[in-house]
């Protein structure tokens, strides 16, 4: 009986699902879980930076049955499923968890915790994806700013040459975790990244992308400062004004994995007894 995670990822999607899945997978290491991502690069990112040991590329969620066996356990973070697929998953698997229903806040606290004396004053992170080049086009029409840019994992090769003309420093995506840990003020369009920053006791400001949807209730509950979609110059100017008198953020409670872990452990132990008895 194997524990699987499935995260929808890709050039036009980003890595937020993979980051959430990796956070829980690391809490379930005793079960030696396998992370399935929509593209190989996302799995490699999770292994190199997020502590995942085993991963495999599965292009779409409906192909999971090609590698899974009946009675395996699945945790998934994707919008690809419909009611018929969910029924099929429940019949095929011993346990199924839709991570969107588990909790709004799923953070790996082993990775994202307070760093004494963060050494980057201001960082901007658009997200891991910019398939339609919204950020790139905005940057091309902007001034040069005294702020560090953290590259997105799926940014197109060669764009960094343009970014170096508009930002004081450009950091490679392979330094994602360290950059989030060490950025005192973070301007980001990723709510997941903003949450990671909060758990590092840093100060995120969220600017909204026109091609993404956001958990407005959570943003308001935590009092995260928000900038509506504007030009890069206007966004950074407003960011500079916000951090001059940064508001008090409500640090949320992280997802408690104990119930899920106990359910999985019990299911696996019962399965072992059944198979050993045969």
Protein backbone atom coordinates (compact mmCIF):
# COMPACT_ATOMS: atom_id res chain seq x y z
CA UNK A 1 0.00 0.00 0.00
CA UNK A 2 1.65 3.20 -1.24
CA UNK A 3 0.96 6.85 -0.35
CA UNK A 4 0.83 9.17 -3.38
CA UNK A 5 0.54 12.92 -3.78
CA UNK A 6 -0.60 14.59 -6.98
CA UNK A 7 0.08 18.29 -7.63
CA UNK A 8 -1.06 20.15 -10.72
CA UNK A 9 1.94 22.12 -11.98
CA UNK A 10 3.24 23.63 -15.18
CA UNK A 11 4.44 26.65 -17.16
CA UNK A 12 1.02 28.31 -17.06
CA UNK A 13 0.14 27.18 -13.52
CA UNK A 14 3.14 27.48 -11.25
CA UNK A 15 4.27 25.44 -8.26
CA UNK A 16 1.91 26.38 -5.44
CA UNK A 17 0.25 22.93 -5.39
CA UNK A 18 3.65 21.22 -5.36
CA UNK A 19 4.76 23.36 -2.42
CA UNK A 20 1.63 22.47 -0.46
CA UNK A 21 1.94 18.77 -1.28
CA UNK A 22 5.63 18.75 -0.35
CA UNK A 23 4.85 20.34 3.02
CA UNK A 24 2.51 17.49 3.96
CA UNK A 25 4.62 14.79 2.29
CA UNK A 26 7.52 15.78 4.52
CA UNK A 27 5.27 15.29 7.55
CA UNK A 28 4.47 11.80 6.25
CA UNK A 29 8.04 10.70 5.49
CA UNK A 30 7.60 7.53 7.52
CA UNK A 31 5.27 6.27 4.78
CA UNK A 32 7.82 6.99 2.01
CA UNK A 33 5.32 8.92 -0.15
CA UNK A 34 5.67 9.55 -3.90
CA UNK A 35 4.96 13.02 -5.29
CA UNK A 36 3.36 13.06 -8.74
CA UNK A 37 3.58 16.33 -10.65
CA UNK A 38 2.28 17.40 -14.05
CA UNK A 39 5.82 17.98 -15.32
CA UNK A 40 9.22 16.55 -14.50
CA UNK A 41 10.78 19.91 -13.59
CA UNK A 42 8.33 20.45 -10.74
CA UNK A 43 9.26 17.13 -9.17
CA UNK A 44 12.95 17.92 -9.50
CA UNK A 45 12.35 21.31 -7.84
CA UNK A 46 10.54 19.59 -4.94
CA UNK A 47 13.40 17.12 -4.49
CA UNK A 48 16.20 19.67 -4.73
CA UNK A 49 14.64 22.42 -2.63
CA UNK A 50 11.69 21.09 -0.64
CA UNK A 51 12.94 17.79 0.76
CA UNK A 52 10.96 15.35 -1.39
CA UNK A 53 12.69 11.98 -1.80
CA UNK A 54 10.61 10.29 -4.51
CA UNK A 55 8.75 11.87 -7.42
CA UNK A 56 7.35 10.93 -10.81
CA UNK A 57 5.88 12.81 -13.76
CA UNK A 58 2.16 12.20 -14.42
CA UNK A 59 0.88 14.65 -17.02
CA UNK A 60 -2.77 14.65 -15.85
CA UNK A 61 -4.54 13.34 -12.78
CA UNK A 62 -6.64 10.80 -14.69
CA UNK A 63 -3.45 8.90 -15.55
CA UNK A 64 -2.66 8.10 -11.92
CA UNK A 65 -4.20 4.66 -12.31
CA UNK A 66 -1.29 3.78 -14.61
CA UNK A 67 1.11 3.71 -11.66
CA UNK A 68 -1.15 3.24 -8.63
CA UNK A 69 -2.56 -0.03 -7.38
CA UNK A 70 -5.96 -0.61 -5.89
CA UNK A 71 -6.09 0.32 -2.17
CA UNK A 72 -3.25 2.85 -2.44
CA UNK A 73 -3.69 6.21 -0.68
CA UNK A 74 -3.94 9.54 -2.53
CA UNK A 75 -3.68 13.19 -1.52
CA UNK A 76 -4.23 15.61 -4.40
CA UNK A 77 -4.13 19.34 -5.09
CA UNK A 78 -5.71 20.08 -8.47
CA UNK A 79 -8.83 21.49 -10.10
CA UNK A 80 -8.84 18.76 -12.77
CA UNK A 81 -11.28 16.49 -10.97
CA UNK A 82 -15.05 16.28 -11.44
CA UNK A 83 -17.61 14.40 -9.37
CA UNK A 84 -17.33 11.25 -11.48
CA UNK A 85 -13.54 11.21 -11.11
CA UNK A 86 -13.84 11.74 -7.35
CA UNK A 87 -16.18 8.76 -7.09
CA UNK A 88 -13.71 6.65 -9.05
CA UNK A 89 -10.85 7.72 -6.78
CA UNK A 90 -12.84 6.80 -3.67
CA UNK A 91 -13.62 3.37 -5.08
CA UNK A 92 -10.02 2.72 -6.19
CA UNK A 93 -8.15 4.10 -3.16
CA UNK A 94 -8.25 3.16 0.51
CA UNK A 95 -8.10 6.84 1.45
CA UNK A 96 -8.42 10.00 -0.63
CA UNK A 97 -7.77 13.56 0.54
CA UNK A 98 -8.56 16.67 -1.48
CA UNK A 99 -5.97 19.10 -0.15
CA UNK A 100 -8.11 22.11 -1.02
CA UNK A 101 -10.55 20.81 1.58
CA UNK A 102 -7.93 20.17 4.26
CA UNK A 103 -6.83 23.71 5.05
CA UNK A 104 -6.07 27.09 3.50
CA UNK A 105 -2.67 27.20 5.21
CA UNK A 106 -0.22 24.37 4.56
CA UNK A 107 3.40 25.40 5.23
CA UNK A 108 6.56 23.37 5.84
CA UNK A 109 7.72 24.89 9.12
CA UNK A 110 11.01 23.00 8.92
CA UNK A 111 11.86 25.14 5.89
CA UNK A 112 10.04 28.36 6.67
CA UNK A 113 10.93 29.64 10.13
CA UNK A 114 12.47 32.81 11.52
CA UNK A 115 15.98 33.69 10.41
CA UNK A 116 17.95 36.03 12.64
CA UNK A 117 18.94 39.17 10.76
CA UNK A 118 17.51 38.54 7.27
CA UNK A 119 20.02 39.94 4.81
CA UNK A 120 17.76 41.03 1.93
CA UNK A 121 15.83 44.22 2.58
CA UNK A 122 13.29 44.01 -0.29
CA UNK A 123 12.43 41.25 -2.75
CA UNK A 124 9.86 40.95 -5.51
CA UNK A 125 8.56 37.53 -6.59
CA UNK A 126 5.91 37.48 -9.30
CA UNK A 127 5.37 33.74 -9.09
CA UNK A 128 6.89 30.68 -10.69
CA UNK A 129 5.01 31.10 -13.97
CA UNK A 130 4.77 33.92 -16.49
CA UNK A 131 3.63 32.01 -19.57
CA UNK A 132 1.83 35.02 -21.06
CA UNK A 133 4.78 37.28 -20.15
CA UNK A 134 2.64 39.70 -18.14
CA UNK A 135 5.49 40.40 -15.76
CA UNK A 136 8.14 40.55 -18.47
CA UNK A 137 6.13 43.06 -20.50
CA UNK A 138 5.51 45.15 -17.40
CA UNK A 139 9.19 45.16 -16.51
CA UNK A 140 10.21 46.24 -20.03
CA UNK A 141 8.15 49.41 -19.55
CA UNK A 142 9.39 50.13 -16.04
CA UNK A 143 12.25 52.07 -14.49
CA UNK A 144 15.14 50.47 -12.62
CA UNK A 145 14.32 49.74 -8.98
CA UNK A 146 16.38 49.16 -5.86
CA UNK A 147 14.76 45.81 -5.13
CA UNK A 148 15.89 42.20 -5.54
CA UNK A 149 14.05 40.02 -8.04
CA UNK A 150 13.59 36.31 -7.29
CA UNK A 151 13.18 34.48 -10.58
CA UNK A 152 10.22 32.19 -11.19
CA UNK A 153 10.91 28.51 -11.82
CA UNK A 154 9.22 28.56 -15.24
CA UNK A 155 10.51 31.92 -16.44
CA UNK A 156 11.76 31.68 -20.01
CA UNK A 157 15.48 31.27 -20.54
CA UNK A 158 17.18 34.54 -21.40
CA UNK A 159 14.70 36.83 -19.62
CA UNK A 160 17.17 37.38 -16.80
CA UNK A 161 19.17 39.62 -19.15
CA UNK A 162 16.21 41.99 -19.29
CA UNK A 163 15.56 41.76 -15.55
CA UNK A 164 19.12 42.76 -14.64
CA UNK A 165 18.48 46.10 -16.36
CA UNK A 166 15.50 46.85 -14.11
CA UNK A 167 16.32 45.41 -10.66
CA UNK A 168 19.29 45.86 -8.34
CA UNK A 169 19.86 42.11 -8.06
CA UNK A 170 18.42 38.98 -9.71
CA UNK A 171 18.38 35.71 -7.76
CA UNK A 172 18.06 32.33 -9.43
CA UNK A 173 15.00 30.18 -8.63
CA UNK A 174 17.28 27.53 -7.11
CA UNK A 175 17.67 29.86 -4.12
CA UNK A 176 13.92 30.12 -3.57
CA UNK A 177 13.75 28.88 0.03
CA UNK A 178 16.76 30.88 1.23
CA UNK A 179 15.44 34.02 -0.44
CA UNK A 180 12.02 33.77 1.18
CA UNK A 181 13.67 33.13 4.54
CA UNK A 182 16.00 36.12 4.20
CA UNK A 183 13.72 38.76 2.64
CA UNK A 184 12.62 41.24 5.30
CA UNK A 185 9.97 42.73 2.99
CA UNK A 186 8.50 40.61 0.20
CA UNK A 187 6.38 41.87 -2.68
CA UNK A 188 4.73 38.82 -4.23
CA UNK A 189 1.78 37.82 -6.39
CA UNK A 190 1.74 34.33 -4.82
CA UNK A 191 -0.42 33.87 -1.72
CA UNK A 192 1.42 30.62 -0.88
CA UNK A 193 4.73 32.47 -0.93
CA UNK A 194 3.27 35.27 1.19
CA UNK A 195 2.24 32.68 3.79
CA UNK A 196 5.74 31.17 3.76
CA UNK A 197 7.11 34.67 4.39
CA UNK A 198 4.76 35.14 7.35
CA UNK A 199 5.96 31.89 8.90
CA UNK A 200 9.52 33.23 8.57
CA UNK A 201 8.26 36.26 10.54
CA UNK A 202 8.97 38.51 7.58
CA UNK A 203 6.64 41.06 6.00
CA UNK A 204 4.86 40.19 2.74
CA UNK A 205 2.79 42.47 0.53
CA UNK A 206 0.54 40.78 -2.00
CA UNK A 207 0.00 42.26 -5.44
CA UNK A 208 -2.75 40.66 -7.47
CA UNK A 209 -2.17 39.18 -10.89
CA UNK A 210 -4.97 39.55 -13.39
CA UNK A 211 -4.58 35.90 -14.45
CA UNK A 212 -4.96 34.42 -10.92
CA UNK A 213 -7.70 34.05 -8.34
CA UNK A 214 -7.12 34.57 -4.62
CA UNK A 215 -8.53 33.45 -1.29
CA UNK A 216 -9.94 36.84 -0.36
CA UNK A 217 -11.32 35.66 2.99
CA UNK A 218 -7.91 34.41 4.13
CA UNK A 219 -6.13 37.57 2.92
CA UNK A 220 -8.52 39.77 4.89
CA UNK A 221 -8.41 37.53 7.95
CA UNK A 222 -4.62 37.74 8.14
CA UNK A 223 -4.55 41.45 7.27
CA UNK A 224 -2.03 40.96 4.46
CA UNK A 225 -1.49 44.28 2.62
CA UNK A 226 -2.77 44.08 -0.95
CA UNK A 227 -1.95 46.04 -4.10
CA UNK A 228 -4.38 45.74 -6.99
CA UNK A 229 -2.96 45.12 -10.47
CA UNK A 230 -1.05 48.17 -11.70
CA UNK A 231 2.11 48.96 -13.63
CA UNK A 232 5.37 47.66 -12.16
CA UNK A 233 6.47 51.20 -11.30
CA UNK A 234 3.19 52.01 -9.50
CA UNK A 235 3.16 48.64 -7.72
CA UNK A 236 6.68 49.08 -6.35
CA UNK A 237 5.95 52.69 -5.36
CA UNK A 238 2.90 51.57 -3.37
CA UNK A 239 4.94 48.74 -1.86
CA UNK A 240 7.54 51.25 -0.69
CA UNK A 241 4.81 53.31 0.97
CA UNK A 242 3.24 50.27 2.68
CA UNK A 243 6.47 49.05 4.25
CA UNK A 244 7.13 52.46 5.78
CA UNK A 245 4.31 51.69 8.22
CA UNK A 246 3.80 47.96 7.82
CA UNK A 247 0.60 46.71 9.49
CA UNK A 248 0.31 43.96 12.09
CA UNK A 249 -0.11 40.57 10.43
CA UNK A 250 -2.12 37.77 12.01
CA UNK A 251 0.02 34.64 11.78
CA UNK A 252 -2.35 31.78 10.94
CA UNK A 253 -2.39 28.30 12.40
CA UNK A 254 -0.70 25.78 10.18
CA UNK A 255 -2.54 22.64 9.12
CA UNK A 256 -2.50 19.96 11.82
CA UNK A 257 -1.45 16.77 10.06
CA UNK A 258 -2.03 14.47 13.06
CA UNK A 259 -5.52 13.26 12.12
CA UNK A 260 -4.51 12.49 8.52
CA UNK A 261 -1.33 10.76 9.70
CA UNK A 262 -3.28 8.62 12.17
CA UNK A 263 -5.84 7.62 9.53
CA UNK A 264 -3.12 6.65 7.06
CA UNK A 265 -1.16 4.75 9.71
CA UNK A 266 -4.23 2.81 10.79
CA UNK A 267 -5.16 1.96 7.20
CA UNK A 268 -1.65 0.71 6.41
CA UNK A 269 -1.39 -1.33 9.61
CA UNK A 270 -4.74 -2.99 8.95
CA UNK A 271 -3.66 -3.77 5.40
CA UNK A 272 -0.43 -5.35 6.62
CA UNK A 273 -2.33 -7.54 9.07
CA UNK A 274 -4.72 -8.59 6.34
CA UNK A 275 -1.99 -9.47 3.84
CA UNK A 276 0.24 -11.15 6.40
CA UNK A 277 -2.69 -13.21 7.55
CA UNK A 278 -3.04 -14.54 4.01
